Amino acid sequence: MRPGQRIDAGATLRALEGMKLETHMTAEPDAEAALVAPGEQVQAKELLVVLRAPTSEQ
């Protein structure tokens, strides 16, 4: 995923893995990625992705 990318409802945003358990974050409404913070390890409460309403141009 990259900033400006269109994301359909139900699409997987991120797969997080910890303690041998994998959790998938999905988009509820259609959206557009505004900020994406890639990384190998994340801390609790760290911002991973920001979504905004999609622009009508796409």
PDB file of N, CA and C in Angstrom:
ATOM      1  N   MET A   1       0.838  -1.159   0.000  1.00  0.00           N
ATOM      2  CA  MET A   1       0.000   0.000   0.000  1.00  0.00           C
ATOM      3  C   MET A   1       0.889   1.229   0.000  1.00  0.00           C
ATOM      4  N   ARG A   2       0.441   2.255  -0.712  1.00  0.00           N
ATOM      5  CA  ARG A   2       1.213   3.499  -0.772  1.00  0.00           C
ATOM      6  C   ARG A   2       0.258   4.687  -0.685  1.00  0.00           C
ATOM      7  N   PRO A   3       0.734   5.857  -0.265  1.00  0.00           N
ATOM      8  CA  PRO A   3      -0.135   7.029  -0.177  1.00  0.00           C
ATOM      9  C   PRO A   3      -0.814   7.307  -1.521  1.00  0.00           C
ATOM     10  N   GLY A   4      -2.107   7.622  -1.468  1.00  0.00           N
ATOM     11  CA  GLY A   4      -2.881   7.904  -2.670  1.00  0.00           C
ATOM     12  C   GLY A   4      -3.537   6.682  -3.277  1.00  0.00           C
ATOM     13  N   GLN A   5      -3.171   5.507  -2.817  1.00  0.00           N
ATOM     14  CA  GLN A   5      -3.720   4.267  -3.366  1.00  0.00           C
ATOM     15  C   GLN A   5      -5.170   4.095  -2.927  1.00  0.00           C
ATOM     16  N   ARG A   6      -6.032   3.709  -3.862  1.00  0.00           N
ATOM     17  CA  ARG A   6      -7.449   3.438  -3.577  1.00  0.00           C
ATOM     18  C   ARG A   6      -7.562   2.079  -2.887  1.00  0.00           C
ATOM     19  N   ILE A   7      -8.376   2.006  -1.837  1.00  0.00           N
ATOM     20  CA  ILE A   7      -8.544   0.778  -1.073  1.00  0.00           C
ATOM     21  C   ILE A   7     -10.024   0.443  -1.023  1.00  0.00           C
ATOM     22  N   ASP A   8     -10.385  -0.734  -1.456  1.00  0.00           N
ATOM     23  CA  ASP A   8     -11.773  -1.170  -1.446  1.00  0.00           C
ATOM     24  C   ASP A   8     -12.151  -1.706  -0.076  1.00  0.00           C
ATOM     25  N   ALA A   9     -13.436  -1.554   0.271  1.00  0.00           N
ATOM     26  CA  ALA A   9     -13.940  -2.087   1.539  1.00  0.00           C
ATOM     27  C   ALA A   9     -13.639  -3.576   1.614  1.00  0.00           C
ATOM     28  N   GLY A  10     -13.163  -4.029   2.766  1.00  0.00           N
ATOM     29  CA  GLY A  10     -12.836  -5.430   2.973  1.00  0.00           C
ATOM     30  C   GLY A  10     -11.412  -5.806   2.628  1.00  0.00           C
ATOM     31  N   ALA A  11     -10.669  -4.895   1.998  1.00  0.00           N
ATOM     32  CA  ALA A  11      -9.276  -5.180   1.634  1.00  0.00           C
ATOM     33  C   ALA A  11      -8.405  -5.230   2.883  1.00  0.00           C
ATOM     34  N   THR A  12      -7.411  -6.099   2.882  1.00  0.00           N
ATOM     35  CA  THR A  12      -6.473  -6.188   3.992  1.00  0.00           C
ATOM     36  C   THR A  12      -5.525  -5.003   3.949  1.00  0.00           C
ATOM     37  N   LEU A  13      -5.446  -4.271   5.055  1.00  0.00           N
ATOM     38  CA  LEU A  13      -4.540  -3.129   5.154  1.00  0.00           C
ATOM     39  C   LEU A  13      -3.172  -3.555   5.647  1.00  0.00           C
ATOM     40  N   ARG A  14      -3.157  -4.383   6.662  1.00  0.00           N
ATOM     41  CA  ARG A  14      -1.922  -4.856   7.268  1.00  0.00           C
ATOM     42  C   ARG A  14      -2.153  -6.228   7.867  1.00  0.00           C
ATOM     43  N   ALA A  15      -1.110  -7.011   7.916  1.00  0.00           N
ATOM     44  CA  ALA A  15      -1.111  -8.270   8.653  1.00  0.00           C
ATOM     45  C   ALA A  15      -0.088  -8.097   9.768  1.00  0.00           C
ATOM     46  N   LEU A  16      -0.552  -8.194  11.002  1.00  0.00           N
ATOM     47  CA  LEU A  16       0.324  -8.043  12.163  1.00  0.00           C
ATOM     48  C   LEU A  16       0.551  -9.398  12.793  1.00  0.00           C
ATOM     49  N   GLU A  17       1.782  -9.635  13.194  1.00  0.00           N
ATOM     50  CA  GLU A  17       2.120 -10.926  13.775  1.00  0.00           C
ATOM     51  C   GLU A  17       2.794 -10.706  15.122  1.00  0.00           C
ATOM     52  N   GLY A  18       2.337 -11.445  16.116  1.00  0.00           N
ATOM     53  CA  GLY A  18       2.940 -11.353  17.442  1.00  0.00           C
ATOM     54  C   GLY A  18       2.556 -12.561  18.268  1.00  0.00           C
ATOM     55  N   MET A  19       3.493 -13.080  19.004  1.00  0.00           N
ATOM     56  CA  MET A  19       3.242 -14.243  19.855  1.00  0.00           C
ATOM     57  C   MET A  19       2.665 -15.404  19.042  1.00  0.00           C
ATOM     58  N   LYS A  20       3.188 -15.588  17.833  1.00  0.00           N
ATOM     59  CA  LYS A  20       2.783 -16.666  16.924  1.00  0.00           C
ATOM     60  C   LYS A  20       1.315 -16.564  16.495  1.00  0.00           C
ATOM     61  N   LEU A  21       0.740 -15.366  16.578  1.00  0.00           N
ATOM     62  CA  LEU A  21      -0.634 -15.121  16.179  1.00  0.00           C
ATOM     63  C   LEU A  21      -0.641 -14.033  15.114  1.00  0.00           C
ATOM     64  N   GLU A  22      -1.354 -14.243  14.024  1.00  0.00           N
ATOM     65  CA  GLU A  22      -1.424 -13.265  12.952  1.00  0.00           C
ATOM     66  C   GLU A  22      -2.808 -12.632  12.937  1.00  0.00           C
ATOM     67  N   THR A  23      -2.851 -11.309  12.889  1.00  0.00           N
ATOM     68  CA  THR A  23      -4.094 -10.551  12.858  1.00  0.00           C
ATOM     69  C   THR A  23      -4.108  -9.695  11.606  1.00  0.00           C
ATOM     70  N   HIS A  24      -5.234  -9.676  10.914  1.00  0.00           N
ATOM     71  CA  HIS A  24      -5.370  -8.881   9.699  1.00  0.00           C
ATOM     72  C   HIS A  24      -6.255  -7.671   9.958  1.00  0.00           C
ATOM     73  N   MET A  25      -5.780  -6.498   9.587  1.00  0.00           N
ATOM     74  CA  MET A  25      -6.568  -5.273   9.671  1.00  0.00           C
ATOM     75  C   MET A  25      -7.196  -5.060   8.307  1.00  0.00           C
ATOM     76  N   THR A  26      -8.507  -4.832   8.270  1.00  0.00           N
ATOM     77  CA  THR A  26      -9.190  -4.609   6.989  1.00  0.00           C
ATOM     78  C   THR A  26      -9.875  -3.252   6.962  1.00  0.00           C
ATOM     79  N   ALA A  27     -10.074  -2.728   5.747  1.00  0.00           N
ATOM     80  CA  ALA A  27     -10.775  -1.462   5.560  1.00  0.00           C
ATOM     81  C   ALA A  27     -12.272  -1.715   5.631  1.00  0.00           C
ATOM     82  N   GLU A  28     -12.989  -0.901   6.391  1.00  0.00           N
ATOM     83  CA  GLU A  28     -14.439  -1.052   6.457  1.00  0.00           C
ATOM     84  C   GLU A  28     -15.112  -0.363   5.268  1.00  0.00           C
ATOM     85  N   PRO A  29     -14.953   0.963   5.095  1.00  0.00           N
ATOM     86  CA  PRO A  29     -15.516   1.588   3.890  1.00  0.00           C
ATOM     87  C   PRO A  29     -14.439   1.698   2.809  1.00  0.00           C
ATOM     88  N   ASP A  30     -14.841   2.013   1.579  1.00  0.00           N
ATOM     89  CA  ASP A  30     -13.862   2.347   0.548  1.00  0.00           C
ATOM     90  C   ASP A  30     -13.078   3.551   1.059  1.00  0.00           C
ATOM     91  N   ALA A  31     -11.794   3.606   0.761  1.00  0.00           N
ATOM     92  CA  ALA A  31     -10.958   4.685   1.279  1.00  0.00           C
ATOM     93  C   ALA A  31      -9.766   4.914   0.366  1.00  0.00           C
ATOM     94  N   GLU A  32      -8.945   5.858   0.765  1.00  0.00           N
ATOM     95  CA  GLU A  32      -7.693   6.158   0.081  1.00  0.00           C
ATOM     96  C   GLU A  32      -6.630   6.276   1.160  1.00  0.00           C
ATOM     97  N   ALA A  33      -5.465   5.687   0.929  1.00  0.00           N
ATOM     98  CA  ALA A  33      -4.380   5.762   1.900  1.00  0.00           C
ATOM     99  C   ALA A  33      -3.811   7.175   1.909  1.00  0.00           C
ATOM    100  N   ALA A  34      -3.737   7.778   3.093  1.00  0.00           N
ATOM    101  CA  ALA A  34      -3.179   9.120   3.225  1.00  0.00           C
ATOM    102  C   ALA A  34      -1.757   9.062   3.773  1.00  0.00           C
ATOM    103  N   LEU A  35      -1.506   8.118   4.663  1.00  0.00           N
ATOM    104  CA  LEU A  35      -0.189   7.965   5.282  1.00  0.00           C
ATOM    105  C   LEU A  35       0.037   6.487   5.540  1.00  0.00           C
ATOM    106  N   VAL A  36       1.174   6.005   5.133  1.00  0.00           N
ATOM    107  CA  VAL A  36       1.517   4.609   5.358  1.00  0.00           C
ATOM    108  C   VAL A  36       2.874   4.580   6.032  1.00  0.00           C
ATOM    109  N   ALA A  37       2.967   3.881   7.138  1.00  0.00           N
ATOM    110  CA  ALA A  37       4.213   3.787   7.879  1.00  0.00           C
ATOM    111  C   ALA A  37       4.709   2.343   7.830  1.00  0.00           C
ATOM    112  N   PRO A  38       5.534   2.007   6.812  1.00  0.00           N
ATOM    113  CA  PRO A  38       6.045   0.639   6.729  1.00  0.00           C
ATOM    114  C   PRO A  38       7.105   0.390   7.792  1.00  0.00           C
ATOM    115  N   GLY A  39       7.258  -0.846   8.149  1.00  0.00           N
ATOM    116  CA  GLY A  39       8.287  -1.180   9.129  1.00  0.00           C
ATOM    117  C   GLY A  39       8.227  -2.634   9.503  1.00  0.00           C
ATOM    118  N   GLU A  40       9.290  -3.123  10.039  1.00  0.00           N
ATOM    119  CA  GLU A  40       9.370  -4.514  10.444  1.00  0.00           C
ATOM    120  C   GLU A  40       8.718  -4.737  11.798  1.00  0.00           C
ATOM    121  N   GLN A  41       9.047  -3.881  12.770  1.00  0.00           N
ATOM    122  CA  GLN A  41       8.497  -4.035  14.109  1.00  0.00           C
ATOM    123  C   GLN A  41       7.788  -2.748  14.486  1.00  0.00           C
ATOM    124  N   VAL A  42       6.679  -2.887  15.211  1.00  0.00           N
ATOM    125  CA  VAL A  42       5.940  -1.721  15.674  1.00  0.00           C
ATOM    126  C   VAL A  42       5.708  -1.837  17.176  1.00  0.00           C
ATOM    127  N   GLN A  43       5.510  -0.705  17.788  1.00  0.00           N
ATOM    128  CA  GLN A  43       5.238  -0.648  19.221  1.00  0.00           C
ATOM    129  C   GLN A  43       3.732  -0.492  19.439  1.00  0.00           C
ATOM    130  N   ALA A  44       3.285  -0.743  20.645  1.00  0.00           N
ATOM    131  CA  ALA A  44       1.883  -0.568  20.996  1.00  0.00           C
ATOM    132  C   ALA A  44       1.463   0.874  20.721  1.00  0.00           C
ATOM    133  N   LYS A  45       0.293   1.043  20.164  1.00  0.00           N
ATOM    134  CA  LYS A  45      -0.325   2.340  19.867  1.00  0.00           C
ATOM    135  C   LYS A  45       0.406   3.120  18.771  1.00  0.00           C
ATOM    136  N   GLU A  46       1.280   2.485  18.019  1.00  0.00           N
ATOM    137  CA  GLU A  46       1.989   3.156  16.930  1.00  0.00           C
ATOM    138  C   GLU A  46       1.059   3.294  15.729  1.00  0.00           C
ATOM    139  N   LEU A  47       1.065   4.459  15.087  1.00  0.00           N
ATOM    140  CA  LEU A  47       0.238   4.724  13.919  1.00  0.00           C
ATOM    141  C   LEU A  47       0.787   3.966  12.715  1.00  0.00           C
ATOM    142  N   LEU A  48      -0.060   3.144  12.093  1.00  0.00           N
ATOM    143  CA  LEU A  48       0.387   2.314  10.976  1.00  0.00           C
ATOM    144  C   LEU A  48      -0.119   2.826   9.631  1.00  0.00           C
ATOM    145  N   VAL A  49      -1.342   3.295   9.608  1.00  0.00           N
ATOM    146  CA  VAL A  49      -1.924   3.773   8.349  1.00  0.00           C
ATOM    147  C   VAL A  49      -3.020   4.779   8.660  1.00  0.00           C
ATOM    148  N   VAL A  50      -3.162   5.787   7.802  1.00  0.00           N
ATOM    149  CA  VAL A  50      -4.229   6.769   7.907  1.00  0.00           C
ATOM    150  C   VAL A  50      -5.035   6.673   6.634  1.00  0.00           C
ATOM    151  N   LEU A  51      -6.366   6.574   6.778  1.00  0.00           N
ATOM    152  CA  LEU A  51      -7.260   6.496   5.630  1.00  0.00           C
ATOM    153  C   LEU A  51      -8.093   7.758   5.544  1.00  0.00           C
ATOM    154  N   ARG A  52      -8.473   8.120   4.322  1.00  0.00           N
ATOM    155  CA  ARG A  52      -9.373   9.258   4.115  1.00  0.00           C
ATOM    156  C   ARG A  52     -10.400   8.844   3.078  1.00  0.00           C
ATOM    157  N   ALA A  53     -11.459   9.617   2.967  1.00  0.00           N
ATOM    158  CA  ALA A  53     -12.477   9.348   1.966  1.00  0.00           C
ATOM    159  C   ALA A  53     -11.826   9.420   0.584  1.00  0.00           C
ATOM    160  N   PRO A  54     -12.189   8.505  -0.328  1.00  0.00           N
ATOM    161  CA  PRO A  54     -11.580   8.519  -1.652  1.00  0.00           C
ATOM    162  C   PRO A  54     -11.990   9.764  -2.438  1.00  0.00           C
ATOM    163  N   THR A  55     -11.066  10.254  -3.252  1.00  0.00           N
ATOM    164  CA  THR A  55     -11.390  11.378  -4.123  1.00  0.00           C
ATOM    165  C   THR A  55     -12.195  10.866  -5.288  1.00  0.00           C
ATOM    166  N   SER A  56     -13.050  11.683  -5.827  1.00  0.00           N
ATOM    167  CA  SER A  56     -13.922  11.260  -6.924  1.00  0.00           C
ATOM    168  C   SER A  56     -13.182  11.126  -8.242  1.00  0.00           C
ATOM    169  N   GLU A  57     -11.937  11.579  -8.299  1.00  0.00           N
ATOM    170  CA  GLU A  57     -11.140  11.537  -9.537  1.00  0.00           C
ATOM    171  C   GLU A  57     -10.658  10.149  -9.880  1.00  0.00           C
ATOM    172  N   GLN A  58     -10.667   9.218  -8.923  1.00  0.00           N
ATOM    173  CA  GLN A  58     -10.100   7.879  -9.162  1.00  0.00           C
ATOM    174  C   GLN A  58     -11.140   6.922  -9.603  1.00  0.00           C
TER     175      GLN A  58
END
